[in-house]
């Protein structure tokens, strides 16, 4: 199985000692899943997700939900 090579460093921030990362659909050109980006006229996703310290990229729950819509 081929792995996706992460060539982008996604924004992170520490809030109350917990690491947060911006959804990969914040940059649709570099995202692995740009088709699941915001559909409400927004050009990018601005959601932050709490992640572990070994996380390279994350897809927020809103973008994940769009992948399941029929």
N, C-alpha and C. Protein backbone atom coordinates (compact mmCIF):
# COMPACT_ATOMS: atom_id res chain seq x y z
N UNK A 1 0.83 -1.17 0.00
CA UNK A 1 0.00 0.00 0.00
C UNK A 1 0.88 1.25 0.00
N UNK A 2 0.64 2.13 -0.96
CA UNK A 2 1.43 3.35 -1.05
C UNK A 2 1.04 4.33 0.05
N UNK A 3 2.02 4.97 0.60
CA UNK A 3 1.76 5.96 1.64
C UNK A 3 1.82 7.36 1.06
N UNK A 4 1.02 8.24 1.62
CA UNK A 4 1.01 9.65 1.22
C UNK A 4 2.21 10.33 1.85
N UNK A 5 3.01 10.99 1.04
CA UNK A 5 4.18 11.69 1.56
C UNK A 5 3.80 13.11 1.95
N UNK A 6 3.94 13.41 3.22
CA UNK A 6 3.62 14.74 3.72
C UNK A 6 4.75 15.70 3.35
N UNK A 7 4.44 16.65 2.47
CA UNK A 7 5.45 17.61 2.05
C UNK A 7 5.18 18.99 2.62
N UNK A 8 4.19 19.11 3.47
CA UNK A 8 3.80 20.39 4.06
C UNK A 8 3.86 20.29 5.57
N UNK A 9 4.28 21.36 6.19
CA UNK A 9 4.26 21.45 7.64
C UNK A 9 3.00 22.22 8.02
N UNK A 10 2.06 21.55 8.67
CA UNK A 10 0.78 22.16 9.01
C UNK A 10 0.91 22.97 10.29
N UNK A 11 0.14 24.05 10.38
CA UNK A 11 0.18 24.94 11.54
C UNK A 11 -0.24 24.19 12.80
N UNK A 12 0.49 24.44 13.87
CA UNK A 12 0.14 23.87 15.17
C UNK A 12 0.20 24.98 16.22
N UNK A 13 -0.50 24.74 17.32
CA UNK A 13 -0.43 25.67 18.46
C UNK A 13 -0.71 24.87 19.72
N UNK A 14 -0.16 25.34 20.81
CA UNK A 14 -0.35 24.70 22.11
C UNK A 14 -1.36 25.55 22.89
N UNK A 15 -2.45 24.91 23.32
CA UNK A 15 -3.48 25.59 24.11
C UNK A 15 -3.67 24.80 25.39
N UNK A 16 -3.38 25.43 26.52
CA UNK A 16 -3.51 24.79 27.84
C UNK A 16 -2.74 23.47 27.89
N UNK A 17 -1.56 23.45 27.29
CA UNK A 17 -0.70 22.28 27.32
C UNK A 17 -1.07 21.19 26.33
N UNK A 18 -2.05 21.44 25.48
CA UNK A 18 -2.49 20.45 24.49
C UNK A 18 -2.17 20.94 23.10
N UNK A 19 -1.69 20.03 22.25
CA UNK A 19 -1.28 20.38 20.89
C UNK A 19 -2.49 20.36 19.97
N UNK A 20 -2.66 21.42 19.20
CA UNK A 20 -3.73 21.53 18.22
C UNK A 20 -3.13 21.77 16.84
N UNK A 21 -3.77 21.23 15.83
CA UNK A 21 -3.30 21.37 14.45
C UNK A 21 -4.47 21.80 13.57
N UNK A 22 -4.19 22.62 12.59
CA UNK A 22 -5.23 23.07 11.69
C UNK A 22 -5.56 21.96 10.69
N UNK A 23 -6.82 21.90 10.28
CA UNK A 23 -7.28 20.89 9.32
C UNK A 23 -6.47 21.00 8.02
N UNK A 24 -6.15 19.87 7.42
CA UNK A 24 -5.37 19.89 6.19
C UNK A 24 -6.11 20.58 5.04
N UNK A 25 -7.42 20.72 5.15
CA UNK A 25 -8.17 21.44 4.12
C UNK A 25 -8.09 22.95 4.30
N UNK A 26 -7.19 23.41 5.16
CA UNK A 26 -6.91 24.84 5.26
C UNK A 26 -6.05 25.29 4.08
N UNK A 27 -5.43 24.34 3.40
CA UNK A 27 -4.65 24.62 2.18
C UNK A 27 -5.04 23.55 1.16
N UNK A 28 -6.04 23.87 0.35
CA UNK A 28 -6.60 22.88 -0.57
C UNK A 28 -5.62 22.40 -1.62
N UNK A 29 -4.63 23.21 -1.95
CA UNK A 29 -3.62 22.80 -2.94
C UNK A 29 -2.71 21.71 -2.39
N UNK A 30 -2.46 21.71 -1.10
CA UNK A 30 -1.57 20.72 -0.47
C UNK A 30 -2.33 19.61 0.24
N UNK A 31 -3.64 19.73 0.36
CA UNK A 31 -4.44 18.75 1.08
C UNK A 31 -4.51 17.42 0.34
N UNK A 32 -4.58 16.36 1.11
CA UNK A 32 -4.75 15.03 0.53
C UNK A 32 -6.20 14.82 0.06
N UNK A 33 -7.15 15.56 0.68
CA UNK A 33 -8.57 15.40 0.38
C UNK A 33 -9.25 16.74 0.08
N UNK A 34 -8.84 17.46 -0.96
CA UNK A 34 -9.41 18.78 -1.23
C UNK A 34 -10.89 18.74 -1.61
N UNK A 35 -11.38 17.61 -2.13
CA UNK A 35 -12.79 17.52 -2.52
C UNK A 35 -13.72 17.57 -1.31
N UNK A 36 -13.19 17.33 -0.13
CA UNK A 36 -14.00 17.32 1.09
C UNK A 36 -13.91 18.63 1.84
N UNK A 37 -13.37 19.65 1.20
CA UNK A 37 -13.25 20.96 1.83
C UNK A 37 -14.60 21.63 2.00
N UNK A 38 -14.62 22.81 2.58
CA UNK A 38 -15.87 23.52 2.83
C UNK A 38 -16.69 23.70 1.57
N UNK A 39 -18.00 23.55 1.71
CA UNK A 39 -18.89 23.68 0.57
C UNK A 39 -19.84 24.87 0.73
N UNK A 40 -19.60 25.70 1.74
CA UNK A 40 -20.49 26.82 2.00
C UNK A 40 -19.92 28.14 1.49
N UNK A 41 -19.13 28.08 0.43
CA UNK A 41 -18.54 29.28 -0.14
C UNK A 41 -17.19 29.64 0.44
N UNK A 42 -16.81 28.96 1.52
CA UNK A 42 -15.49 29.20 2.11
C UNK A 42 -14.43 28.62 1.19
N UNK A 43 -13.29 29.27 1.12
CA UNK A 43 -12.23 28.78 0.26
C UNK A 43 -11.33 27.77 0.97
N UNK A 44 -11.40 27.75 2.32
CA UNK A 44 -10.59 26.82 3.08
C UNK A 44 -11.22 26.55 4.44
N UNK A 45 -10.81 25.47 5.06
CA UNK A 45 -11.31 25.10 6.38
C UNK A 45 -10.43 25.77 7.44
N UNK A 46 -11.06 26.28 8.48
CA UNK A 46 -10.34 26.97 9.54
C UNK A 46 -10.46 26.26 10.88
N UNK A 47 -10.81 24.98 10.88
CA UNK A 47 -11.00 24.22 12.12
C UNK A 47 -9.67 23.74 12.69
N UNK A 48 -9.54 23.81 14.01
CA UNK A 48 -8.38 23.29 14.73
C UNK A 48 -8.79 22.03 15.46
N UNK A 49 -7.89 21.02 15.48
CA UNK A 49 -8.18 19.73 16.08
C UNK A 49 -7.09 19.40 17.10
N UNK A 50 -7.49 18.88 18.26
CA UNK A 50 -6.51 18.45 19.24
C UNK A 50 -5.88 17.15 18.74
N UNK A 51 -4.55 17.10 18.74
CA UNK A 51 -3.83 15.94 18.20
C UNK A 51 -2.71 15.52 19.16
N UNK A 52 -2.17 14.34 18.91
CA UNK A 52 -1.02 13.86 19.66
C UNK A 52 0.26 14.45 19.12
N UNK A 53 1.34 14.24 19.83
CA UNK A 53 2.62 14.84 19.43
C UNK A 53 3.26 14.17 18.21
N UNK A 54 2.79 12.99 17.81
CA UNK A 54 3.34 12.30 16.65
C UNK A 54 2.51 12.52 15.39
N UNK A 55 1.51 13.38 15.44
CA UNK A 55 0.61 13.62 14.31
C UNK A 55 1.25 14.57 13.30
N UNK A 56 1.20 14.18 12.01
CA UNK A 56 1.75 15.01 10.94
C UNK A 56 0.69 15.87 10.26
N UNK A 57 -0.54 15.35 10.15
CA UNK A 57 -1.63 16.07 9.51
C UNK A 57 -2.95 15.53 10.02
N UNK A 58 -4.01 16.33 9.91
CA UNK A 58 -5.31 15.92 10.43
C UNK A 58 -6.41 16.46 9.54
N UNK A 59 -7.50 15.70 9.45
CA UNK A 59 -8.71 16.13 8.76
C UNK A 59 -9.78 16.31 9.83
N UNK A 60 -10.36 17.50 9.93
CA UNK A 60 -11.32 17.77 11.00
C UNK A 60 -12.61 16.96 10.80
N UNK A 61 -13.43 16.95 11.83
CA UNK A 61 -14.67 16.17 11.78
C UNK A 61 -15.64 16.70 10.73
N UNK A 62 -15.63 18.01 10.47
CA UNK A 62 -16.54 18.58 9.48
C UNK A 62 -16.17 18.11 8.06
N UNK A 63 -14.89 18.13 7.75
CA UNK A 63 -14.44 17.67 6.43
C UNK A 63 -14.60 16.15 6.31
N UNK A 64 -14.37 15.44 7.39
CA UNK A 64 -14.58 13.98 7.37
C UNK A 64 -16.05 13.66 7.12
N UNK A 65 -16.95 14.41 7.75
CA UNK A 65 -18.38 14.19 7.56
C UNK A 65 -18.77 14.41 6.11
N UNK A 66 -18.20 15.42 5.46
CA UNK A 66 -18.52 15.66 4.06
C UNK A 66 -18.11 14.48 3.16
N UNK A 67 -17.10 13.73 3.59
CA UNK A 67 -16.67 12.58 2.80
C UNK A 67 -17.69 11.45 2.85
N UNK A 68 -18.57 11.46 3.85
CA UNK A 68 -19.56 10.40 4.03
C UNK A 68 -20.92 10.74 3.45
N UNK A 69 -21.13 12.00 3.06
CA UNK A 69 -22.44 12.40 2.53
C UNK A 69 -22.66 11.77 1.16
N UNK A 70 -23.87 11.34 0.95
CA UNK A 70 -24.22 10.71 -0.32
C UNK A 70 -24.73 11.71 -1.31
